[in-house]
Amino acid sequence: MVIRGLDLLFSLAALLVFSPLLLLVAIALRFSGEGEVFYRQVRFGKGGREFYLLKFATMMKHSPAMGTGELTLPNDPRVLPLGRILRKTKLNELPQLLNIVAGDLSLIGPRPQTLRYYNFYRPDDRVCIDTIRPGLSGVGSILFRDEETLLSKVNDPIAFDDQVITPYKGQVEHWFALNQSVSLYFELIFTTVLVVLIPSSGLHQRLLSRVPPPPAELSKLLES
């Protein structure tokens, strides 16, 4: 109840503060690219319940059926020009404040997945993760804040994402579900803000020392 109250307080305050920016982005999207303002995608939340995750549209309408599907890589041709700016600054994620108000998300929690990626989590990880609300940000989001760049360093990005990154995400989100607390909630909000504003801060390294260790092939990439 405490965290839910904080979610409502912070998300409503953020919507109020960022409302002029949200309006400007919406207008810019409406009159650029393909004219789409919002992108809705089915994700899995608490209890395995499906909900629609909201984002500002940054890619071509039928992107999931094109190229690398749900996986986005650096310089992906499906990303629209304005979309590149929104994705780099994470402004495309701001509409999820509405998901928080609706109760689909928390500010901090396991990142909600599509069915494809959800199925790559280990069964025990899924069971634990399903007990709490997913988050706008969280341990997985911070550790993989620049996942596109990580994937550009491997020979087969799709296979690496499916077989290495996604299962490990399940483990760290499982860790968060077991260790969730108000103090960790505030710590991860603070860390999220800093890694967005100062990507080179290296704060993710502090998290790496506390969560389950990544596979060797992933550890080298995360520490670089």
Protein backbone atom coordinates (compact mmCIF):
# COMPACT_ATOMS: atom_id res chain seq x y z
CA MET A 1 0.00 0.00 0.00
CA VAL A 2 2.85 2.40 0.77
CA ILE A 3 4.51 1.87 -2.60
CA ARG A 4 1.18 2.15 -4.43
CA GLY A 5 0.55 5.46 -2.68
CA LEU A 6 4.00 6.70 -3.67
CA ASP A 7 3.40 5.56 -7.25
CA LEU A 8 0.21 7.61 -7.46
CA LEU A 9 1.78 10.66 -5.84
CA PHE A 10 4.89 10.68 -8.05
CA SER A 11 3.15 9.74 -11.31
CA LEU A 12 0.41 12.35 -10.95
CA ALA A 13 3.01 14.99 -10.05
CA ALA A 14 5.13 13.98 -13.05
CA LEU A 15 2.12 14.15 -15.38
CA LEU A 16 1.42 17.66 -14.13
CA VAL A 17 5.03 18.80 -14.51
CA PHE A 18 5.60 17.16 -17.90
CA SER A 19 2.17 17.87 -19.41
CA PRO A 20 3.46 20.73 -21.65
CA LEU A 21 6.27 18.50 -22.91
CA LEU A 22 3.88 15.58 -23.46
CA LEU A 23 1.61 17.83 -25.49
CA LEU A 24 4.49 19.14 -27.61
CA VAL A 25 5.73 15.62 -28.34
CA ALA A 26 2.21 14.47 -29.23
CA ILE A 27 1.75 17.37 -31.67
CA ALA A 28 5.18 16.77 -33.22
CA LEU A 29 4.40 13.08 -33.73
CA ARG A 30 0.97 13.83 -35.18
CA PHE A 31 2.47 16.00 -37.88
CA SER A 32 5.62 13.99 -38.62
CA GLY A 33 6.58 10.46 -39.57
CA GLU A 34 3.47 8.33 -40.03
CA GLY A 35 1.21 10.53 -37.91
CA GLU A 36 0.92 8.03 -35.07
CA VAL A 37 1.14 9.47 -31.55
CA PHE A 38 0.91 6.42 -29.30
CA TYR A 39 2.06 2.84 -29.59
CA ARG A 40 0.17 0.20 -27.59
CA GLN A 41 1.57 -3.27 -26.99
CA VAL A 42 0.25 -6.19 -24.95
CA ARG A 43 2.51 -6.94 -21.98
CA PHE A 44 2.21 -9.23 -18.96
CA GLY A 45 1.71 -7.72 -15.52
CA LYS A 46 0.97 -8.81 -11.98
CA GLY A 47 -0.57 -12.27 -11.83
CA GLY A 48 0.25 -12.82 -15.50
CA ARG A 49 -2.54 -10.40 -16.46
CA GLU A 50 -2.34 -8.84 -19.91
CA PHE A 51 -2.49 -5.06 -20.29
CA TYR A 52 -1.67 -2.49 -22.94
CA LEU A 53 1.64 -0.70 -22.37
CA LEU A 54 1.68 2.86 -23.71
CA LYS A 55 4.61 4.57 -25.39
CA PHE A 56 5.05 7.42 -27.81
CA ALA A 57 5.30 5.97 -31.31
CA THR A 58 8.92 5.87 -32.45
CA MET A 59 8.89 3.21 -35.17
CA MET A 60 7.02 2.35 -38.36
CA LYS A 61 3.52 1.00 -37.79
CA HIS A 62 4.20 -2.60 -38.72
CA SER A 63 7.70 -2.86 -37.23
CA PRO A 64 7.07 -6.11 -35.26
CA ALA A 65 6.48 -7.87 -38.58
CA MET A 66 9.61 -6.40 -40.16
CA GLY A 67 13.37 -6.91 -39.83
CA THR A 68 14.39 -8.17 -36.38
CA GLY A 69 10.81 -8.17 -35.08
CA GLU A 70 10.48 -7.04 -31.46
CA LEU A 71 14.24 -6.52 -31.17
CA THR A 72 15.59 -3.05 -31.95
CA LEU A 73 19.23 -2.57 -32.94
CA PRO A 74 21.41 0.55 -33.30
CA ASN A 75 20.58 2.49 -36.48
CA ASP A 76 17.50 0.32 -36.98
CA PRO A 77 15.88 1.59 -40.23
CA ARG A 78 12.40 1.06 -38.74
CA VAL A 79 12.95 3.85 -36.19
CA LEU A 80 11.58 7.19 -37.37
CA PRO A 81 13.76 10.36 -37.21
CA LEU A 82 11.89 11.93 -34.29
CA GLY A 83 11.66 8.49 -32.73
CA ARG A 84 15.45 8.32 -32.46
CA ILE A 85 15.48 11.44 -30.30
CA LEU A 86 12.63 10.19 -28.13
CA ARG A 87 14.27 6.81 -27.61
CA LYS A 88 17.69 8.26 -26.81
CA THR A 89 16.23 10.62 -24.20
CA LYS A 90 13.72 7.98 -22.95
CA LEU A 91 10.90 10.48 -23.54
CA ASN A 92 9.04 7.76 -25.44
CA GLU A 93 8.43 6.05 -22.09
CA LEU A 94 6.59 8.98 -20.45
CA PRO A 95 3.05 7.86 -21.46
CA GLN A 96 3.55 4.92 -19.11
CA LEU A 97 2.85 7.35 -16.29
CA LEU A 98 -0.79 6.74 -17.30
CA ASN A 99 -0.22 2.99 -16.87
CA ILE A 100 1.01 3.72 -13.35
CA VAL A 101 -2.09 5.76 -12.50
CA ALA A 102 -4.27 2.95 -13.90
CA GLY A 103 -2.51 0.42 -11.66
CA ASP A 104 -0.87 -1.58 -14.45
CA LEU A 105 2.63 -0.47 -13.49
CA SER A 106 4.66 0.74 -10.55
CA LEU A 107 7.41 3.32 -10.93
CA ILE A 108 9.89 0.60 -9.97
CA GLY A 109 9.53 -3.10 -10.70
CA PRO A 110 10.33 -5.88 -13.18
CA ARG A 111 10.05 -4.62 -16.74
CA PRO A 112 6.86 -6.07 -18.29
CA GLN A 113 7.50 -8.38 -21.23
CA THR A 114 5.66 -9.45 -24.36
CA LEU A 115 4.63 -13.09 -24.58
CA ARG A 116 7.67 -13.95 -26.69
CA TYR A 117 10.18 -12.73 -24.11
CA TYR A 118 8.06 -13.72 -21.13
CA ASN A 119 8.39 -17.34 -22.28
CA PHE A 120 12.20 -17.11 -22.18
CA TYR A 121 12.10 -16.53 -18.41
CA ARG A 122 12.65 -19.61 -16.26
CA PRO A 123 9.38 -20.92 -14.75
CA ASP A 124 10.49 -20.15 -11.18
CA ASP A 125 11.45 -16.60 -12.19
CA ARG A 126 8.03 -16.06 -13.79
CA VAL A 127 6.19 -17.31 -10.71
CA CYS A 128 8.05 -14.89 -8.43
CA ILE A 129 7.92 -11.91 -10.80
CA ASP A 130 4.17 -12.34 -11.26
CA THR A 131 3.58 -11.58 -7.57
CA ILE A 132 4.32 -7.85 -7.95
CA ARG A 133 3.48 -5.02 -10.34
CA PRO A 134 5.91 -4.52 -13.21
CA GLY A 135 7.71 -1.20 -13.39
CA LEU A 136 8.45 1.79 -15.56
CA SER A 137 12.04 1.27 -14.44
CA GLY A 138 13.85 -1.23 -12.28
CA VAL A 139 16.96 -3.35 -11.93
CA GLY A 140 16.66 -4.86 -15.41
CA SER A 141 15.99 -1.48 -17.01
CA ILE A 142 19.05 0.05 -15.36
CA LEU A 143 21.43 -2.81 -16.13
CA PHE A 144 20.24 -2.93 -19.75
CA ARG A 145 19.73 0.80 -20.19
CA ASP A 146 21.64 0.62 -23.51
CA GLU A 147 20.74 -2.86 -24.67
CA GLU A 148 20.87 -1.91 -28.34
CA THR A 149 24.58 -1.10 -28.04
CA LEU A 150 25.26 -4.35 -26.16
CA LEU A 151 23.60 -6.35 -28.93
CA SER A 152 25.64 -4.56 -31.59
CA LYS A 153 28.75 -6.20 -30.11
CA VAL A 154 27.66 -9.82 -30.69
CA ASN A 155 27.50 -11.86 -33.88
CA ASP A 156 23.89 -13.03 -33.56
CA PRO A 157 21.89 -10.39 -31.66
CA ILE A 158 18.56 -12.26 -31.75
CA ALA A 159 20.00 -15.52 -30.42
CA PHE A 160 22.06 -13.71 -27.77
CA ASP A 161 19.04 -11.74 -26.61
CA ASP A 162 16.84 -14.85 -26.45
CA GLN A 163 19.33 -17.24 -24.90
CA VAL A 164 21.50 -15.01 -22.69
CA ILE A 165 20.08 -11.55 -21.96
CA THR A 166 16.39 -12.35 -21.48
CA PRO A 167 16.88 -15.34 -19.13
CA TYR A 168 19.30 -13.24 -17.07
CA LYS A 169 16.78 -10.41 -16.91
CA GLY A 170 14.39 -12.92 -15.39
CA GLN A 171 16.94 -13.72 -12.68
CA VAL A 172 17.58 -10.08 -11.71
CA GLU A 173 13.86 -9.27 -11.72
CA HIS A 174 13.33 -12.34 -9.51
CA TRP A 175 15.98 -10.92 -7.17
CA PHE A 176 14.12 -7.60 -7.04
CA ALA A 177 10.80 -9.29 -6.29
CA LEU A 178 12.39 -11.05 -3.31
CA ASN A 179 14.14 -7.91 -2.05
CA GLN A 180 11.52 -5.27 -2.76
CA SER A 181 11.39 -2.51 -0.12
CA VAL A 182 10.65 1.20 0.16
CA SER A 183 14.37 1.97 0.52
CA LEU A 184 15.23 -0.02 -2.62
CA TYR A 185 12.34 1.71 -4.41
CA PHE A 186 13.83 5.15 -3.72
CA GLU A 187 17.36 3.96 -4.51
CA LEU A 188 16.30 2.70 -7.93
CA ILE A 189 14.35 5.87 -8.72
CA PHE A 190 17.47 7.91 -7.90
CA THR A 191 19.69 5.57 -9.94
CA THR A 192 17.29 5.68 -12.90
CA VAL A 193 17.33 9.48 -13.00
CA LEU A 194 21.13 9.57 -12.87
CA VAL A 195 21.73 6.95 -15.57
CA VAL A 196 19.30 8.76 -17.88
CA LEU A 197 20.89 12.17 -17.26
CA ILE A 198 24.49 10.88 -17.02
CA PRO A 199 24.71 7.62 -19.04
CA SER A 200 28.45 7.34 -18.34
CA SER A 201 28.00 7.46 -14.55
CA GLY A 202 28.71 3.73 -14.16
CA LEU A 203 26.09 3.41 -11.41
CA HIS A 204 24.87 0.14 -12.89
CA GLN A 205 28.11 -1.43 -11.66
CA ARG A 206 26.92 -1.02 -8.06
CA LEU A 207 23.82 -3.04 -8.87
CA LEU A 208 25.85 -5.77 -10.56
CA SER A 209 27.63 -6.48 -7.29
CA ARG A 210 24.30 -7.21 -5.55
CA VAL A 211 22.24 -9.15 -8.06
CA PRO A 212 22.83 -12.72 -9.32
CA PRO A 213 26.05 -12.84 -11.38
CA PRO A 214 25.54 -12.73 -15.15
CA PRO A 215 26.83 -15.44 -17.49
CA ALA A 216 30.47 -14.95 -18.46
CA GLU A 217 29.69 -13.88 -22.02
CA LEU A 218 27.30 -11.22 -20.74
CA SER A 219 29.47 -10.09 -17.83
CA LYS A 220 32.16 -8.78 -20.16
CA LEU A 221 29.63 -6.63 -22.02
CA LEU A 222 27.96 -5.24 -18.88
CA GLU A 223 31.29 -4.28 -17.33
CA SER A 224 32.55 -2.51 -20.43
